[in-house]
C-alpha cells in the first residue's frame, strides 16, 4: 500500500503533495473513492527537542548506564507502553515506538509533556518546568548545528 502525501487546498480539497501521490491519484478514476489513514507529520524541531531533553538528562544522571534503557524507562513512566501477555501468564511491558510513522505530532507533543513531568518528578524535582525548558534550549544551542 502506498503512503501518499496530500496537501489541503481550497474548499477543503486534498491535492497531491509529492510526485508519488500525483502518480497514484492519476490512476484513480474521477468520482471513485479511496480510503486513507490520515496523520499529520511530526514536527522535526520538536523531535530534536525531545531527544535533546533525553540526552541532557541522561548525561546528568547516574541510575542508567545505557541511553536506550533510560529512554525506554522514561517513555514507559510517561504511560507510553504496550502490555504483552505471554503464554506462561507472565506480563511484560515494552515502550511504544517513537518512530515518525508510529506517532503523529499531536500524540508526540503529549508524550513530550508527559516525559517532562517524569523528569521533573524522578530526576530533577528541584527545578521548574520553565527551568527545564531553558536547560533544553541551552543544550540544543550548544550541541546542535
Foldseek 3Di string as FASTA:
>chain_A
DDDFDWDQDPPRDTHGPDPVNVVVVVPDDPPDDDDDDDFAFADVVVVVLLVLLLVVQVVVDDPDPDSVVSVFVLQVQLVAWDWDQDPVRDIDITGDDPDRVRDGHVRVVSSSVSSLVSCCVPPNVPDDSVVSSVVSVVSCVVPPD
